Amino acid sequence: MTAAVPQFYRPNVGLMLIGPGRRIFVGRRLNQPDAWQMPQGGVDKGETAVEAACRELREEVGTAKALLLRESRDWLTYDVPAALQPPHWKGRWRGQAQKWFALAFVGLESDIDLAAHDQEFDAWRWAAPDELVEAIVPWKRAVYEIVLKEFADLLACASRRV
């Protein structure tokens, strides 16, 4: 059973899409040249977190060609600086509570279409896990560190000989 979303935080999902070489999909926020992040988005009313994750994958990455590997144990929260909080929040939330999903990308790079929906990224790339924390805005870094630790086994390269 999953714990409830923490009070004063907007329900949200985050997606760690793992691709070739166990690198991670990151998108650059439209009109924010220094803002790279993994896909994320709100959980709509009546929608489960996993349903939101599947929808956000289609909307932000433009594909459904991924296999669900794991869901994070807990809701992870971060506060959004007051000056950056969207006006439509109307003071309801101080930040976001995220359930994270690790997914294996099983498509081709040509399957990725950032303009498939309301475009949020203007560029994308595969990033090494150790690049992520420094590339993300400061107020999300602690969440990224937790996500990387929780999904570390999915990112480790197995080099054993049989």
Protein backbone atom coordinates (compact mmCIF):
# COMPACT_ATOMS: atom_id res chain seq x y z
CA MET A 1 0.00 0.00 0.00
CA THR A 2 1.28 3.45 -0.89
CA ALA A 3 1.34 6.24 1.66
CA ALA A 4 -0.79 9.30 1.04
CA VAL A 5 0.55 12.34 -0.78
CA PRO A 6 2.05 14.72 1.81
CA GLN A 7 -0.16 17.71 2.64
CA PHE A 8 0.58 21.01 0.83
CA TYR A 9 2.35 19.24 -2.04
CA ARG A 10 0.94 18.79 -5.53
CA PRO A 11 0.75 15.11 -6.57
CA ASN A 12 3.27 14.51 -9.34
CA VAL A 13 5.20 11.72 -11.04
CA GLY A 14 8.79 11.59 -12.21
CA LEU A 15 10.17 9.30 -14.91
CA MET A 16 13.64 7.82 -15.08
CA LEU A 17 13.68 6.57 -18.66
CA ILE A 18 16.73 4.32 -19.02
CA GLY A 19 18.10 3.98 -22.51
CA PRO A 20 21.19 2.73 -24.33
CA GLY A 21 24.25 2.23 -22.16
CA ARG A 22 22.05 2.62 -19.07
CA ARG A 23 21.99 6.35 -19.66
CA ILE A 24 19.00 8.44 -18.61
CA PHE A 25 16.70 10.59 -20.74
CA VAL A 26 16.85 14.28 -19.85
CA GLY A 27 15.04 17.11 -21.57
CA ARG A 28 15.90 20.79 -21.65
CA ARG A 29 12.99 22.94 -20.51
CA LEU A 30 11.55 25.02 -23.32
CA ASN A 31 12.82 28.61 -23.08
CA GLN A 32 15.12 27.71 -20.14
CA PRO A 33 18.50 26.84 -21.69
CA ASP A 34 20.12 25.75 -18.42
CA ALA A 35 17.18 23.72 -17.07
CA TRP A 36 17.59 20.00 -17.81
CA GLN A 37 15.42 17.44 -16.08
CA MET A 38 13.88 14.01 -16.28
CA PRO A 39 10.24 14.04 -17.44
CA GLN A 40 7.66 14.77 -14.76
CA GLY A 41 4.09 15.92 -14.47
CA GLY A 42 0.99 16.20 -12.35
CA VAL A 43 -1.37 13.42 -11.41
CA ASP A 44 -4.83 14.28 -12.71
CA LYS A 45 -7.95 13.82 -10.60
CA GLY A 46 -9.12 10.19 -10.73
CA GLU A 47 -5.78 9.02 -12.12
CA THR A 48 -3.35 6.68 -10.37
CA ALA A 49 0.34 7.54 -10.22
CA VAL A 50 1.23 4.78 -12.69
CA GLU A 51 -1.46 5.99 -15.10
CA ALA A 52 -0.04 9.51 -14.81
CA ALA A 53 3.46 8.16 -15.49
CA CYS A 54 2.30 6.45 -18.70
CA ARG A 55 0.47 9.59 -19.83
CA GLU A 56 3.42 11.86 -19.06
CA LEU A 57 5.75 9.56 -21.00
CA ARG A 58 3.54 9.92 -24.07
CA GLU A 59 3.08 13.68 -23.58
CA GLU A 60 6.63 14.77 -22.73
CA VAL A 61 8.74 12.19 -24.55
CA GLY A 62 6.26 11.39 -27.32
CA THR A 63 6.42 7.63 -27.01
CA ALA A 64 4.98 4.73 -25.06
CA LYS A 65 7.84 2.40 -25.96
CA ALA A 66 9.02 1.63 -22.46
CA LEU A 67 8.70 -1.12 -19.90
CA LEU A 68 7.92 -0.29 -16.28
CA LEU A 69 10.74 -1.56 -14.08
CA ARG A 70 9.96 -0.16 -10.64
CA GLU A 71 8.06 2.44 -8.63
CA SER A 72 9.74 4.41 -5.85
CA ARG A 73 8.93 3.31 -2.31
CA ASP A 74 7.90 6.75 -1.08
CA TRP A 75 6.56 10.08 -2.21
CA LEU A 76 9.51 12.45 -2.52
CA THR A 77 8.95 16.15 -2.01
CA TYR A 78 10.62 19.37 -3.03
CA ASP A 79 9.64 22.97 -2.44
CA VAL A 80 9.36 25.30 -5.41
CA PRO A 81 10.72 28.80 -4.73
CA ALA A 82 7.78 31.19 -4.24
CA ALA A 83 8.82 33.37 -7.20
CA LEU A 84 8.68 30.33 -9.50
CA GLN A 85 5.40 28.81 -8.36
CA PRO A 86 2.88 28.72 -11.22
CA PRO A 87 0.00 31.19 -10.85
CA HIS A 88 -2.58 28.40 -11.28
CA TRP A 89 -1.39 26.87 -7.99
CA LYS A 90 -3.02 29.86 -6.24
CA GLY A 91 -1.07 29.20 -3.04
CA ARG A 92 -2.46 25.67 -2.58
CA TRP A 93 0.94 23.97 -2.67
CA ARG A 94 4.46 24.77 -1.52
CA GLY A 95 5.96 22.26 -3.93
CA GLN A 96 5.50 18.84 -5.44
CA ALA A 97 5.31 15.32 -4.06
CA GLN A 98 6.55 12.82 -6.60
CA LYS A 99 6.24 9.11 -7.13
CA TRP A 100 9.13 8.07 -9.36
CA PHE A 101 9.06 5.33 -11.97
CA ALA A 102 12.06 3.63 -13.56
CA LEU A 103 11.34 2.61 -17.15
CA ALA A 104 13.42 0.82 -19.78
CA PHE A 105 13.24 2.49 -23.19
CA VAL A 106 12.58 -0.23 -25.79
CA GLY A 107 12.11 1.91 -28.89
CA LEU A 108 14.35 3.66 -31.35
CA GLU A 109 15.54 7.23 -30.91
CA SER A 110 13.31 8.11 -33.88
CA ASP A 111 10.32 7.14 -31.68
CA ILE A 112 11.01 10.12 -29.41
CA ASP A 113 8.90 13.11 -30.42
CA LEU A 114 9.11 16.13 -28.10
CA ALA A 115 6.35 17.89 -30.07
CA ALA A 116 3.82 15.05 -29.74
CA HIS A 117 1.79 17.05 -27.21
CA ASP A 118 2.12 20.49 -25.62
CA GLN A 119 5.88 20.66 -25.97
CA GLU A 120 7.79 21.12 -22.71
CA PHE A 121 11.34 20.32 -23.89
CA ASP A 122 13.23 21.86 -26.81
CA ALA A 123 16.08 19.34 -26.74
CA TRP A 124 16.89 15.99 -25.18
CA ARG A 125 19.86 13.70 -24.62
CA TRP A 126 20.95 10.55 -22.83
CA ALA A 127 22.89 11.48 -19.68
CA ALA A 128 25.14 9.43 -17.44
CA PRO A 129 23.76 9.06 -13.90
CA ASP A 130 26.63 11.07 -12.42
CA GLU A 131 25.72 14.07 -14.63
CA LEU A 132 22.15 14.40 -13.41
CA VAL A 133 22.44 15.99 -10.00
CA GLU A 134 24.61 18.88 -11.20
CA ALA A 135 22.42 19.48 -14.28
CA ILE A 136 19.19 19.89 -12.30
CA VAL A 137 17.96 23.07 -10.63
CA PRO A 138 19.14 23.27 -7.00
CA TRP A 139 15.77 22.78 -5.32
CA LYS A 140 15.27 19.37 -7.01
CA ARG A 141 18.76 17.98 -6.38
CA ALA A 142 17.97 16.14 -3.15
CA VAL A 143 15.10 14.29 -4.86
CA TYR A 144 17.37 13.31 -7.78
CA GLU A 145 19.98 11.99 -5.35
CA ILE A 146 17.37 9.79 -3.65
CA VAL A 147 15.99 8.54 -6.98
CA LEU A 148 19.46 7.69 -8.27
CA LYS A 149 20.24 5.79 -5.08
CA GLU A 150 16.93 3.90 -5.08
CA PHE A 151 17.26 2.85 -8.73
CA ALA A 152 21.07 2.41 -8.69
CA ASP A 153 20.87 -1.33 -9.29
CA LEU A 154 19.00 -0.69 -12.56
CA LEU A 155 21.80 1.59 -13.75
CA ALA A 156 24.76 -0.60 -12.77
CA CYS A 157 26.50 -2.42 -15.58
CA ALA A 158 26.84 -6.10 -14.92
CA SER A 159 30.25 -7.21 -16.10
CA ARG A 160 30.42 -10.69 -14.60
CA ARG A 161 31.75 -13.56 -16.62
CA VAL A 162 29.62 -16.66 -16.81
